Amino acid sequence: MLDRLLGLASVVSFAVGSLAGPAEPPSAVDLTFADPAIVESSGLVVRDGLFVTTNDSGDRGRVFVVDRSGATVGTTSWPAEPEDVEALAPAGPRAVWVGDIGDNGTSRDSIEVLRVPYGRGDRTVEPASYTLVYPDGAHDAESLLAQPRTGQLFVVSKDLFGGTVYAAPRELSADRPNRLRAVAHTLAFATDGSFFPDGRHYVLRAYGTASVYSFPGHARVGSFRLPSQRQGEGLAVAPDGSLHLSTEGQFTDVLRVALPPDLARAMRPAPAPEPAPAAERPAPGGGEPVWPWVLGGVAGLGFVAMVVRLLTRHGAAA
């Protein structure tokens, strides 16, 4: 219920420009997109000092590679016409998953993900593509996440009254549809998401708020406000754990946002228990020290010897 309220509050924030709650965490401008062709940044991946983004529905199949100056230094295009690209996720070294998962009319029989290489320079490729099918009918979605340890993909539906996290099979088949599986209920109106590098947490954003969840338990760890953006639909977590946000619009900023300190602390692994102190080695004879007995025995023997000598002298005198 709280996630639904957060999502609805985020929608209200987007509409009216305000949201009651704690102050947003500090943010800074990473870069400003200089390419006039980037008009609706709807997905974001940050790797190796490069920012990979894609336009929302209406563009042809392509991703943009941008350096820290804001300049586009490469594009990857593919000939197939996408239906509604909405998200990106890391797919290993110099590759991204492209999520053709948008469905505003909730009318698609299936959605699609493509594994697309990227780098400096322009290229045209024929990417591997995989069909995904929901178990419970069509959904609109804008969030695609890749678990960093296993590579498993997760799609998060963009529903007004609470989204659903759907898990894809760990091994995708290119020859037949891959059936998604509902695994958790989550933030309403999610527009993007990403795992943290440890694989133990992921973050989902809406327009005005973001929430962090545990994995694999999908328990909400905490939520926080996001900086005001025109229509914030891009989110990436870099390998160093830093959080980056993009928004629709031409010549827009990519922001770097710090997690609230209390939330960052809550995400830290629990400290390992200290080892118990080594038990003292028990002394022979049931655990009590033996030296008093030894001294007592020596003293007793000495006393007996003295008595024997006295008796011997007395007998000799008689």
C-alpha atoms as a PDB file:
ATOM      1  CA  MET A   1       0.000   0.000   0.000  1.00  0.00           C
ATOM      2  CA  LEU A   2       2.819   2.442   0.845  1.00  0.00           C
ATOM      3  CA  ASP A   3       4.416   1.897  -2.571  1.00  0.00           C
ATOM      4  CA  ARG A   4       1.105   2.659  -4.224  1.00  0.00           C
ATOM      5  CA  LEU A   5       0.800   5.870  -2.248  1.00  0.00           C
ATOM      6  CA  LEU A   6       4.373   6.836  -3.125  1.00  0.00           C
ATOM      7  CA  GLY A   7       3.676   6.257  -6.781  1.00  0.00           C
ATOM      8  CA  LEU A   8       0.492   8.285  -6.675  1.00  0.00           C
ATOM      9  CA  ALA A   9       2.260  11.058  -4.775  1.00  0.00           C
ATOM     10  CA  SER A  10       4.934  11.026  -7.450  1.00  0.00           C
ATOM     11  CA  VAL A  11       2.303  11.473 -10.151  1.00  0.00           C
ATOM     12  CA  VAL A  12       0.784  14.367  -8.217  1.00  0.00           C
ATOM     13  CA  SER A  13       4.272  15.836  -7.817  1.00  0.00           C
ATOM     14  CA  PHE A  14       4.810  15.601 -11.557  1.00  0.00           C
ATOM     15  CA  ALA A  15       1.504  17.337 -12.200  1.00  0.00           C
ATOM     16  CA  VAL A  16       1.664  20.144  -9.667  1.00  0.00           C
ATOM     17  CA  GLY A  17       5.405  20.460  -9.071  1.00  0.00           C
ATOM     18  CA  SER A  18       5.470  19.785  -5.316  1.00  0.00           C
ATOM     19  CA  LEU A  19       5.526  16.841  -2.948  1.00  0.00           C
ATOM     20  CA  ALA A  20       5.266  16.845   0.805  1.00  0.00           C
ATOM     21  CA  GLY A  21       7.976  14.912   2.536  1.00  0.00           C
ATOM     22  CA  PRO A  22      11.666  15.028   3.429  1.00  0.00           C
ATOM     23  CA  ALA A  23      14.048  17.184   1.456  1.00  0.00           C
ATOM     24  CA  GLU A  24      15.546  15.659  -1.662  1.00  0.00           C
ATOM     25  CA  PRO A  25      19.163  14.460  -1.466  1.00  0.00           C
ATOM     26  CA  PRO A  26      21.986  16.555  -2.966  1.00  0.00           C
ATOM     27  CA  SER A  27      22.437  16.407  -6.733  1.00  0.00           C
ATOM     28  CA  ALA A  28      24.863  17.736  -9.327  1.00  0.00           C
ATOM     29  CA  VAL A  29      24.852  18.006 -13.126  1.00  0.00           C
ATOM     30  CA  ASP A  30      26.885  15.235 -14.752  1.00  0.00           C
ATOM     31  CA  LEU A  31      26.489  16.593 -18.272  1.00  0.00           C
ATOM     32  CA  THR A  32      24.043  18.220 -20.669  1.00  0.00           C
ATOM     33  CA  PHE A  33      23.056  16.343 -23.809  1.00  0.00           C
ATOM     34  CA  ALA A  34      24.438  18.351 -26.745  1.00  0.00           C
ATOM     35  CA  ASP A  35      22.947  16.198 -29.506  1.00  0.00           C
ATOM     36  CA  PRO A  36      19.656  17.678 -30.835  1.00  0.00           C
ATOM     37  CA  ALA A  37      18.604  14.126 -31.807  1.00  0.00           C
ATOM     38  CA  ILE A  38      18.335  13.149 -28.131  1.00  0.00           C
ATOM     39  CA  VAL A  39      14.864  14.463 -27.432  1.00  0.00           C
ATOM     40  CA  GLU A  40      13.274  11.894 -25.079  1.00  0.00           C
ATOM     41  CA  SER A  41      15.903  10.177 -22.966  1.00  0.00           C
ATOM     42  CA  SER A  42      13.903   7.282 -21.558  1.00  0.00           C
ATOM     43  CA  GLY A  43      16.633   4.824 -20.554  1.00  0.00           C
ATOM     44  CA  LEU A  44      20.155   5.234 -19.202  1.00  0.00           C
ATOM     45  CA  VAL A  45      23.246   3.067 -18.620  1.00  0.00           C
ATOM     46  CA  VAL A  46      26.527   4.450 -17.230  1.00  0.00           C
ATOM     47  CA  ARG A  47      29.695   2.439 -17.878  1.00  0.00           C
ATOM     48  CA  ASP A  48      33.395   3.202 -18.509  1.00  0.00           C
ATOM     49  CA  GLY A  49      32.877   6.967 -18.406  1.00  0.00           C
ATOM     50  CA  LEU A  50      30.198   6.746 -21.115  1.00  0.00           C
ATOM     51  CA  PHE A  51      26.465   7.408 -20.878  1.00  0.00           C
ATOM     52  CA  VAL A  52      24.213   5.278 -23.095  1.00  0.00           C
ATOM     53  CA  THR A  53      20.672   6.458 -23.697  1.00  0.00           C
ATOM     54  CA  THR A  54      17.763   5.902 -26.047  1.00  0.00           C
ATOM     55  CA  ASN A  55      14.761   7.930 -27.141  1.00  0.00           C
ATOM     56  CA  ASP A  56      11.213   7.101 -26.150  1.00  0.00           C
ATOM     57  CA  SER A  57       8.678   5.744 -28.640  1.00  0.00           C
ATOM     58  CA  GLY A  58       8.617   7.367 -32.054  1.00  0.00           C
ATOM     59  CA  ASP A  59      12.323   7.090 -32.829  1.00  0.00           C
ATOM     60  CA  ARG A  60      13.931   4.436 -34.991  1.00  0.00           C
ATOM     61  CA  GLY A  61      15.961   1.673 -33.422  1.00  0.00           C
ATOM     62  CA  ARG A  62      19.141   3.258 -32.031  1.00  0.00           C
ATOM     63  CA  VAL A  63      21.093   4.072 -28.888  1.00  0.00           C
ATOM     64  CA  PHE A  64      23.335   7.079 -28.301  1.00  0.00           C
ATOM     65  CA  VAL A  65      26.745   6.955 -26.615  1.00  0.00           C
ATOM     66  CA  VAL A  66      27.644  10.221 -24.859  1.00  0.00           C
ATOM     67  CA  ASP A  67      30.864  11.204 -23.090  1.00  0.00           C
ATOM     68  CA  ARG A  68      31.186  13.444 -20.045  1.00  0.00           C
ATOM     69  CA  SER A  69      31.332  16.549 -22.205  1.00  0.00           C
ATOM     70  CA  GLY A  70      27.758  15.877 -23.313  1.00  0.00           C
ATOM     71  CA  ALA A  71      28.787  15.157 -26.898  1.00  0.00           C
ATOM     72  CA  THR A  72      27.521  12.085 -28.718  1.00  0.00           C
ATOM     73  CA  VAL A  73      30.589   9.997 -29.554  1.00  0.00           C
ATOM     74  CA  GLY A  74      28.836   6.968 -31.037  1.00  0.00           C
ATOM     75  CA  THR A  75      25.530   5.472 -32.113  1.00  0.00           C
ATOM     76  CA  THR A  76      24.352   1.940 -32.657  1.00  0.00           C
ATOM     77  CA  SER A  77      21.414   1.441 -34.993  1.00  0.00           C
ATOM     78  CA  TRP A  78      19.465  -1.616 -36.123  1.00  0.00           C
ATOM     79  CA  PRO A  79      17.123  -1.957 -39.094  1.00  0.00           C
ATOM     80  CA  ALA A  80      14.056  -3.451 -37.385  1.00  0.00           C
ATOM     81  CA  GLU A  81      11.477  -0.818 -36.478  1.00  0.00           C
ATOM     82  CA  PRO A  82      10.755  -0.899 -32.724  1.00  0.00           C
ATOM     83  CA  GLU A  83       7.268  -0.511 -31.364  1.00  0.00           C
ATOM     84  CA  ASP A  84       7.911   1.396 -28.116  1.00  0.00           C
ATOM     85  CA  VAL A  85      11.449   1.423 -26.694  1.00  0.00           C
ATOM     86  CA  GLU A  86      11.378   2.572 -23.074  1.00  0.00           C
ATOM     87  CA  ALA A  87      14.374   1.227 -21.158  1.00  0.00           C
ATOM     88  CA  LEU A  88      18.001   0.123 -21.110  1.00  0.00           C
ATOM     89  CA  ALA A  89      19.905  -2.242 -18.815  1.00  0.00           C
ATOM     90  CA  PRO A  90      23.561  -3.384 -18.688  1.00  0.00           C
ATOM     91  CA  ALA A  91      24.245  -6.530 -20.737  1.00  0.00           C
ATOM     92  CA  GLY A  92      27.925  -7.211 -20.070  1.00  0.00           C
ATOM     93  CA  PRO A  93      31.036  -5.498 -21.489  1.00  0.00           C
ATOM     94  CA  ARG A  94      30.115  -2.814 -24.042  1.00  0.00           C
ATOM     95  CA  ALA A  95      26.545  -4.067 -24.546  1.00  0.00           C
ATOM     96  CA  VAL A  96      23.103  -3.017 -23.323  1.00  0.00           C
ATOM     97  CA  TRP A  97      19.707  -4.610 -23.191  1.00  0.00           C
ATOM     98  CA  VAL A  98      17.186  -2.473 -25.065  1.00  0.00           C
ATOM     99  CA  GLY A  99      13.657  -2.849 -23.721  1.00  0.00           C
ATOM    100  CA  ASP A 100      10.963  -2.530 -26.375  1.00  0.00           C
ATOM    101  CA  ILE A 101       8.433  -2.897 -23.572  1.00  0.00           C
ATOM    102  CA  GLY A 102       6.150   0.147 -23.737  1.00  0.00           C
ATOM    103  CA  ASP A 103       2.443  -0.478 -24.240  1.00  0.00           C
ATOM    104  CA  ASN A 104       0.330   2.578 -23.441  1.00  0.00           C
ATOM    105  CA  GLY A 105      -2.794   0.887 -24.799  1.00  0.00           C
ATOM    106  CA  THR A 106      -2.054  -2.439 -23.042  1.00  0.00           C
ATOM    107  CA  SER A 107      -2.720  -4.214 -26.328  1.00  0.00           C
ATOM    108  CA  ARG A 108       0.531  -5.999 -27.179  1.00  0.00           C
ATOM    109  CA  ASP A 109       0.577  -9.785 -27.229  1.00  0.00           C
ATOM    110  CA  SER A 110       4.270  -9.760 -26.361  1.00  0.00           C
ATOM    111  CA  ILE A 111       7.199  -7.441 -25.710  1.00  0.00           C
ATOM    112  CA  GLU A 112      10.825  -7.658 -26.830  1.00  0.00           C
ATOM    113  CA  VAL A 113      14.343  -7.156 -25.519  1.00  0.00           C
ATOM    114  CA  LEU A 114      17.413  -6.802 -27.739  1.00  0.00           C
ATOM    115  CA  ARG A 115      21.103  -7.185 -26.825  1.00  0.00           C
ATOM    116  CA  VAL A 116      22.858  -4.280 -28.545  1.00  0.00           C
ATOM    117  CA  PRO A 117      26.609  -3.541 -28.574  1.00  0.00           C
ATOM    118  CA  TYR A 118      27.780   0.032 -28.083  1.00  0.00           C
ATOM    119  CA  GLY A 119      30.994   2.030 -28.246  1.00  0.00           C
ATOM    120  CA  ARG A 120      32.601   5.008 -29.834  1.00  0.00           C
ATOM    121  CA  GLY A 121      31.825   5.474 -33.509  1.00  0.00           C
ATOM    122  CA  ASP A 122      28.688   4.734 -35.495  1.00  0.00           C
ATOM    123  CA  ARG A 123      27.608   1.241 -36.401  1.00  0.00           C
ATOM    124  CA  THR A 124      24.613  -0.702 -37.668  1.00  0.00           C
ATOM    125  CA  VAL A 125      23.989  -4.146 -36.227  1.00  0.00           C
ATOM    126  CA  GLU A 126      21.539  -7.042 -36.299  1.00  0.00           C
ATOM    127  CA  PRO A 127      21.077  -7.547 -32.550  1.00  0.00           C
ATOM    128  CA  ALA A 128      19.909 -10.734 -30.908  1.00  0.00           C
ATOM    129  CA  SER A 129      16.265 -10.314 -29.923  1.00  0.00           C
ATOM    130  CA  TYR A 130      14.079 -12.187 -27.451  1.00  0.00           C
ATOM    131  CA  THR A 131      10.307 -12.228 -27.088  1.00  0.00           C
ATOM    132  CA  LEU A 132       8.786 -11.963 -23.603  1.00  0.00           C
ATOM    133  CA  VAL A 133       5.202 -12.799 -22.664  1.00  0.00           C
ATOM    134  CA  TYR A 134       3.357 -11.779 -19.489  1.00  0.00           C
ATOM    135  CA  PRO A 135       1.533 -14.508 -17.549  1.00  0.00           C
ATOM    136  CA  ASP A 136      -1.545 -12.324 -16.933  1.00  0.00           C
ATOM    137  CA  GLY A 137      -2.179 -10.232 -20.027  1.00  0.00           C
ATOM    138  CA  ALA A 138      -0.686  -7.054 -21.450  1.00  0.00           C
ATOM    139  CA  HIS A 139       0.957  -4.350 -19.323  1.00  0.00           C
ATOM    140  CA  ASP A 140       2.629  -1.031 -19.980  1.00  0.00           C
ATOM    141  CA  ALA A 141       6.222  -1.014 -18.702  1.00  0.00           C
ATOM    142  CA  GLU A 142       9.182   1.360 -18.733  1.00  0.00           C
ATOM    143  CA  SER A 143      11.653  -0.368 -16.381  1.00  0.00           C
ATOM    144  CA  LEU A 144      14.093  -3.119 -17.356  1.00  0.00           C
ATOM    145  CA  LEU A 145      16.635  -4.381 -14.804  1.00  0.00           C
ATOM    146  CA  ALA A 146      19.518  -6.856 -15.140  1.00  0.00           C
ATOM    147  CA  GLN A 147      20.719  -8.644 -11.999  1.00  0.00           C
ATOM    148  CA  PRO A 148      24.518  -8.096 -12.022  1.00  0.00           C
ATOM    149  CA  ARG A 149      25.499 -11.517 -10.647  1.00  0.00           C
ATOM    150  CA  THR A 150      23.275 -13.724 -12.788  1.00  0.00           C
ATOM    151  CA  GLY A 151      22.320 -11.484 -15.720  1.00  0.00           C
ATOM    152  CA  GLN A 152      18.638 -12.324 -15.194  1.00  0.00           C
ATOM    153  CA  LEU A 153      16.235  -9.705 -16.539  1.00  0.00           C
ATOM    154  CA  PHE A 154      13.277  -8.170 -14.698  1.00  0.00           C
ATOM    155  CA  VAL A 155      10.482  -6.078 -16.194  1.00  0.00           C
ATOM    156  CA  VAL A 156       8.495  -3.734 -13.923  1.00  0.00           C
ATOM    157  CA  SER A 157       5.023  -2.736 -15.047  1.00  0.00           C
ATOM    158  CA  LYS A 158       3.999   0.927 -14.977  1.00  0.00           C
ATOM    159  CA  ASP A 159       0.636   0.697 -13.254  1.00  0.00           C
ATOM    160  CA  LEU A 160      -1.070   3.578 -11.494  1.00  0.00           C
ATOM    161  CA  PHE A 161      -2.209   1.545  -8.484  1.00  0.00           C
ATOM    162  CA  GLY A 162       0.987  -0.449  -7.900  1.00  0.00           C
ATOM    163  CA  GLY A 163       3.399  -2.083 -10.302  1.00  0.00           C
ATOM    164  CA  THR A 164       4.501  -5.690 -10.557  1.00  0.00           C
ATOM    165  CA  VAL A 165       8.030  -7.074 -10.888  1.00  0.00           C
ATOM    166  CA  TYR A 166       8.203  -9.818 -13.523  1.00  0.00           C
ATOM    167  CA  ALA A 167      11.198 -12.154 -13.747  1.00  0.00           C
ATOM    168  CA  ALA A 168      12.374 -13.476 -17.096  1.00  0.00           C
ATOM    169  CA  PRO A 169      13.911 -16.957 -17.393  1.00  0.00           C
ATOM    170  CA  ARG A 170      17.611 -16.911 -16.532  1.00  0.00           C
ATOM    171  CA  GLU A 171      18.401 -18.407 -19.942  1.00  0.00           C
ATOM    172  CA  LEU A 172      16.495 -16.640 -22.709  1.00  0.00           C
ATOM    173  CA  SER A 173      15.483 -18.481 -25.832  1.00  0.00           C
ATOM    174  CA  ALA A 174      15.649 -16.739 -29.199  1.00  0.00           C
ATOM    175  CA  ASP A 175      13.501 -19.454 -30.796  1.00  0.00           C
ATOM    176  CA  ARG A 176      10.336 -19.258 -28.706  1.00  0.00           C
ATOM    177  CA  PRO A 177       8.539 -16.781 -26.411  1.00  0.00           C
ATOM    178  CA  ASN A 178       9.988 -16.467 -22.920  1.00  0.00           C
ATOM    179  CA  ARG A 179       7.289 -16.510 -20.267  1.00  0.00           C
ATOM    180  CA  LEU A 180       7.622 -13.890 -17.521  1.00  0.00           C
ATOM    181  CA  ARG A 181       6.799 -14.705 -13.898  1.00  0.00           C
ATOM    182  CA  ALA A 182       5.317 -12.256 -11.366  1.00  0.00           C
ATOM    183  CA  VAL A 183       7.547 -12.138  -8.265  1.00  0.00           C
ATOM    184  CA  ALA A 184       6.642  -8.965  -6.326  1.00  0.00           C
ATOM    185  CA  HIS A 185       4.390  -5.924  -6.101  1.00  0.00           C
ATOM    186  CA  THR A 186       6.182  -2.610  -6.130  1.00  0.00           C
ATOM    187  CA  LEU A 187       6.212   1.136  -6.760  1.00  0.00           C
ATOM    188  CA  ALA A 188       3.306   2.558  -8.724  1.00  0.00           C
ATOM    189  CA  PHE A 189       4.043   4.387 -11.968  1.00  0.00           C
ATOM    190  CA  ALA A 190       7.685   3.262 -12.197  1.00  0.00           C
ATOM    191  CA  THR A 191       9.510   4.889 -15.110  1.00  0.00           C
ATOM    192  CA  ASP A 192      12.933   3.197 -14.782  1.00  0.00           C
ATOM    193  CA  GLY A 193      15.089   1.117 -12.470  1.00  0.00           C
ATOM    194  CA  SER A 194      18.472  -0.483 -11.947  1.00  0.00           C
ATOM    195  CA  PHE A 195      20.284  -2.907  -9.678  1.00  0.00           C
ATOM    196  CA  PHE A 196      23.120  -1.744  -7.454  1.00  0.00           C
ATOM    197  CA  PRO A 197      26.498  -3.423  -8.117  1.00  0.00           C
ATOM    198  CA  ASP A 198      26.226  -5.711  -5.084  1.00  0.00           C
ATOM    199  CA  GLY A 199      23.141  -7.376  -6.548  1.00  0.00           C
ATOM    200  CA  ARG A 200      21.516  -7.176  -3.102  1.00  0.00           C
ATOM    201  CA  HIS A 201      19.421  -4.097  -3.853  1.00  0.00           C
ATOM    202  CA  TYR A 202      17.708  -2.340  -6.736  1.00  0.00           C
ATOM    203  CA  VAL A 203      16.135   1.081  -7.132  1.00  0.00           C
ATOM    204  CA  LEU A 204      12.997   2.123  -9.010  1.00  0.00           C
ATOM    205  CA  ARG A 205      12.071   5.688  -9.877  1.00  0.00           C
ATOM    206  CA  ALA A 206       8.798   7.401 -10.609  1.00  0.00           C
ATOM    207  CA  TYR A 207       8.557  11.034 -11.667  1.00  0.00           C
ATOM    208  CA  GLY A 208       9.140  12.545  -8.231  1.00  0.00           C
ATOM    209  CA  THR A 209      10.291   9.738  -5.929  1.00  0.00           C
ATOM    210  CA  ALA A 210      12.503   6.668  -5.885  1.00  0.00           C
ATOM    211  CA  SER A 211      12.431   3.536  -3.737  1.00  0.00           C
ATOM    212  CA  VAL A 212      15.148   1.006  -2.916  1.00  0.00           C
ATOM    213  CA  TYR A 213      14.306  -2.686  -2.526  1.00  0.00           C
ATOM    214  CA  SER A 214      16.174  -5.709  -1.260  1.00  0.00           C
ATOM    215  CA  PHE A 215      16.902  -8.671  -3.480  1.00  0.00           C
ATOM    216  CA  PRO A 216      15.814 -11.421  -3.659  1.00  0.00           C
ATOM    217  CA  GLY A 217      13.265 -10.533  -0.973  1.00  0.00           C
ATOM    218  CA  HIS A 218      11.876  -7.433  -2.783  1.00  0.00           C
ATOM    219  CA  ALA A 219      11.305  -5.692   0.560  1.00  0.00           C
ATOM    220  CA  ARG A 220      11.241  -1.898   0.462  1.00  0.00           C
ATOM    221  CA  VAL A 221      14.310  -0.534   2.271  1.00  0.00           C
ATOM    222  CA  GLY A 222      13.363   3.147   1.949  1.00  0.00           C
ATOM    223  CA  SER A 223      12.248   5.942  -0.354  1.00  0.00           C
ATOM    224  CA  PHE A 224      13.413   9.465  -1.141  1.00  0.00           C
ATOM    225  CA  ARG A 225      12.498  12.451  -3.259  1.00  0.00           C
ATOM    226  CA  LEU A 226      14.107  13.120  -6.624  1.00  0.00           C
ATOM    227  CA  PRO A 227      15.175  16.483  -8.057  1.00  0.00           C
ATOM    228  CA  SER A 228      12.567  18.209 -10.153  1.00  0.00           C
ATOM    229  CA  GLN A 229      12.849  17.216 -13.834  1.00  0.00           C
ATOM    230  CA  ARG A 230      10.749  17.896 -16.881  1.00  0.00           C
ATOM    231  CA  GLN A 231       9.688  14.235 -17.237  1.00  0.00           C
ATOM    232  CA  GLY A 232      12.201  12.018 -15.492  1.00  0.00           C
ATOM    233  CA  GLU A 233      12.249   8.607 -17.135  1.00  0.00           C
ATOM    234  CA  GLY A 234      15.903   7.529 -17.065  1.00  0.00           C
ATOM    235  CA  LEU A 235      17.863   6.033 -14.170  1.00  0.00           C
ATOM    236  CA  ALA A 236      21.236   4.286 -13.987  1.00  0.00           C
ATOM    237  CA  VAL A 237      23.440   2.966 -11.218  1.00  0.00           C
ATOM    238  CA  ALA A 238      27.128   3.123 -12.168  1.00  0.00           C
ATOM    239  CA  PRO A 239      29.635   0.417 -11.135  1.00  0.00           C
ATOM    240  CA  ASP A 240      30.763   2.633  -8.240  1.00  0.00           C
ATOM    241  CA  GLY A 241      27.187   2.667  -6.911  1.00  0.00           C
ATOM    242  CA  SER A 242      26.451   6.280  -7.873  1.00  0.00           C
ATOM    243  CA  LEU A 243      22.940   7.124  -9.053  1.00  0.00           C
ATOM    244  CA  HIS A 244      22.264   9.043 -12.300  1.00  0.00           C
ATOM    245  CA  LEU A 245      19.012  10.473 -13.690  1.00  0.00           C
ATOM    246  CA  SER A 246      17.947  11.621 -17.140  1.00  0.00           C
ATOM    247  CA  THR A 247      14.758  13.223 -18.408  1.00  0.00           C
ATOM    248  CA  GLU A 248      12.860  13.756 -21.605  1.00  0.00           C
ATOM    249  CA  GLY A 249      13.432  16.980 -23.529  1.00  0.00           C
ATOM    250  CA  GLN A 250      16.087  18.375 -25.842  1.00  0.00           C
ATOM    251  CA  PHE A 251      19.433  19.534 -24.368  1.00  0.00           C
ATOM    252  CA  THR A 252      18.519  18.252 -20.902  1.00  0.00           C
ATOM    253  CA  ASP A 253      20.823  17.549 -17.964  1.00  0.00           C
ATOM    254  CA  VAL A 254      21.893  14.190 -16.577  1.00  0.00           C
ATOM    255  CA  LEU A 255      21.996  14.476 -12.795  1.00  0.00           C
ATOM    256  CA  ARG A 256      24.109  12.618 -10.257  1.00  0.00           C
ATOM    257  CA  VAL A 257      22.188  12.061  -7.020  1.00  0.00           C
ATOM    258  CA  ALA A 258      23.471  10.968  -3.622  1.00  0.00           C
ATOM    259  CA  LEU A 259      21.460   8.470  -1.615  1.00  0.00           C
ATOM    260  CA  PRO A 260      20.212   9.797   1.723  1.00  0.00           C
ATOM    261  CA  PRO A 261      22.717   8.756   4.421  1.00  0.00           C
ATOM    262  CA  ASP A 262      20.189   6.777   6.445  1.00  0.00           C
ATOM    263  CA  LEU A 263      19.176   4.800   3.367  1.00  0.00           C
ATOM    264  CA  ALA A 264      22.807   4.168   2.401  1.00  0.00           C
ATOM    265  CA  ARG A 265      23.450   2.860   5.927  1.00  0.00           C
ATOM    266  CA  ALA A 266      20.407   0.598   5.762  1.00  0.00           C
ATOM    267  CA  MET A 267      21.759  -0.946   2.553  1.00  0.00           C
ATOM    268  CA  ARG A 268      25.128  -1.885   4.037  1.00  0.00           C
ATOM    269  CA  PRO A 269      25.702  -5.573   4.709  1.00  0.00           C
ATOM    270  CA  ALA A 270      25.198  -6.584   8.319  1.00  0.00           C
ATOM    271  CA  PRO A 271      28.553  -6.825  10.106  1.00  0.00           C
ATOM    272  CA  ALA A 272      29.864 -10.340  10.535  1.00  0.00           C
ATOM    273  CA  PRO A 273      29.513 -11.578  14.128  1.00  0.00           C
ATOM    274  CA  GLU A 274      32.708 -11.412  16.129  1.00  0.00           C
ATOM    275  CA  PRO A 275      34.219 -14.824  16.853  1.00  0.00           C
ATOM    276  CA  ALA A 276      33.634 -16.058  20.379  1.00  0.00           C
ATOM    277  CA  PRO A 277      36.719 -15.886  22.627  1.00  0.00           C
ATOM    278  CA  ALA A 278      38.673 -19.116  22.677  1.00  0.00           C
ATOM    279  CA  ALA A 279      37.740 -21.217  25.683  1.00  0.00           C
ATOM    280  CA  GLU A 280      40.483 -21.627  28.265  1.00  0.00           C
ATOM    281  CA  ARG A 281      42.134 -24.996  28.019  1.00  0.00           C
ATOM    282  CA  PRO A 282      40.874 -27.049  30.966  1.00  0.00           C
ATOM    283  CA  ALA A 283      43.487 -28.078  33.448  1.00  0.00           C
ATOM    284  CA  PRO A 284      44.091 -31.790  34.027  1.00  0.00           C
ATOM    285  CA  GLY A 285      41.915 -33.338  36.668  1.00  0.00           C
ATOM    286  CA  GLY A 286      38.565 -31.813  35.848  1.00  0.00           C
ATOM    287  CA  GLY A 287      39.493 -28.225  35.111  1.00  0.00           C
ATOM    288  CA  GLU A 288      41.058 -27.102  38.429  1.00  0.00           C
ATOM    289  CA  PRO A 289      44.763 -26.178  38.609  1.00  0.00           C
ATOM    290  CA  VAL A 290      46.973 -29.025  39.889  1.00  0.00           C
ATOM    291  CA  TRP A 291      49.896 -27.053  41.323  1.00  0.00           C
ATOM    292  CA  PRO A 292      48.335 -26.769  44.829  1.00  0.00           C
ATOM    293  CA  TRP A 293      48.032 -30.533  44.919  1.00  0.00           C
ATOM    294  CA  VAL A 294      51.623 -30.993  43.790  1.00  0.00           C
ATOM    295  CA  LEU A 295      52.914 -28.588  46.444  1.00  0.00           C
ATOM    296  CA  GLY A 296      50.740 -30.257  49.050  1.00  0.00           C
ATOM    297  CA  GLY A 297      52.087 -33.668  48.076  1.00  0.00           C
ATOM    298  CA  VAL A 298      55.707 -32.469  48.237  1.00  0.00           C
ATOM    299  CA  ALA A 299      55.103 -30.905  51.665  1.00  0.00           C
ATOM    300  CA  GLY A 300      53.465 -34.102  52.898  1.00  0.00           C
ATOM    301  CA  LEU A 301      56.383 -36.229  51.757  1.00  0.00           C
ATOM    302  CA  GLY A 302      58.800 -33.842  53.455  1.00  0.00           C
ATOM    303  CA  PHE A 303      56.845 -34.095  56.721  1.00  0.00           C
ATOM    304  CA  VAL A 304      56.836 -37.905  56.569  1.00  0.00           C
ATOM    305  CA  ALA A 305      60.586 -37.969  55.933  1.00  0.00           C
ATOM    306  CA  MET A 306      61.207 -35.664  58.888  1.00  0.00           C
ATOM    307  CA  VAL A 307      59.102 -37.864  61.190  1.00  0.00           C
ATOM    308  CA  VAL A 308      60.997 -40.973  60.052  1.00  0.00           C
ATOM    309  CA  ARG A 309      64.360 -39.307  60.787  1.00  0.00           C
ATOM    310  CA  LEU A 310      63.224 -38.236  64.278  1.00  0.00           C
ATOM    311  CA  LEU A 311      61.956 -41.695  65.069  1.00  0.00           C
ATOM    312  CA  THR A 312      65.197 -43.218  63.812  1.00  0.00           C
ATOM    313  CA  ARG A 313      67.300 -40.917  66.014  1.00  0.00           C
ATOM    314  CA  HIS A 314      65.089 -41.619  69.040  1.00  0.00           C
ATOM    315  CA  GLY A 315      65.471 -45.360  68.529  1.00  0.00           C
ATOM    316  CA  ALA A 316      69.226 -45.061  68.198  1.00  0.00           C
ATOM    317  CA  ALA A 317      69.456 -43.016  71.427  1.00  0.00           C
ATOM    318  CA  ALA A 318      67.477 -45.591  73.339  1.00  0.00           C
END
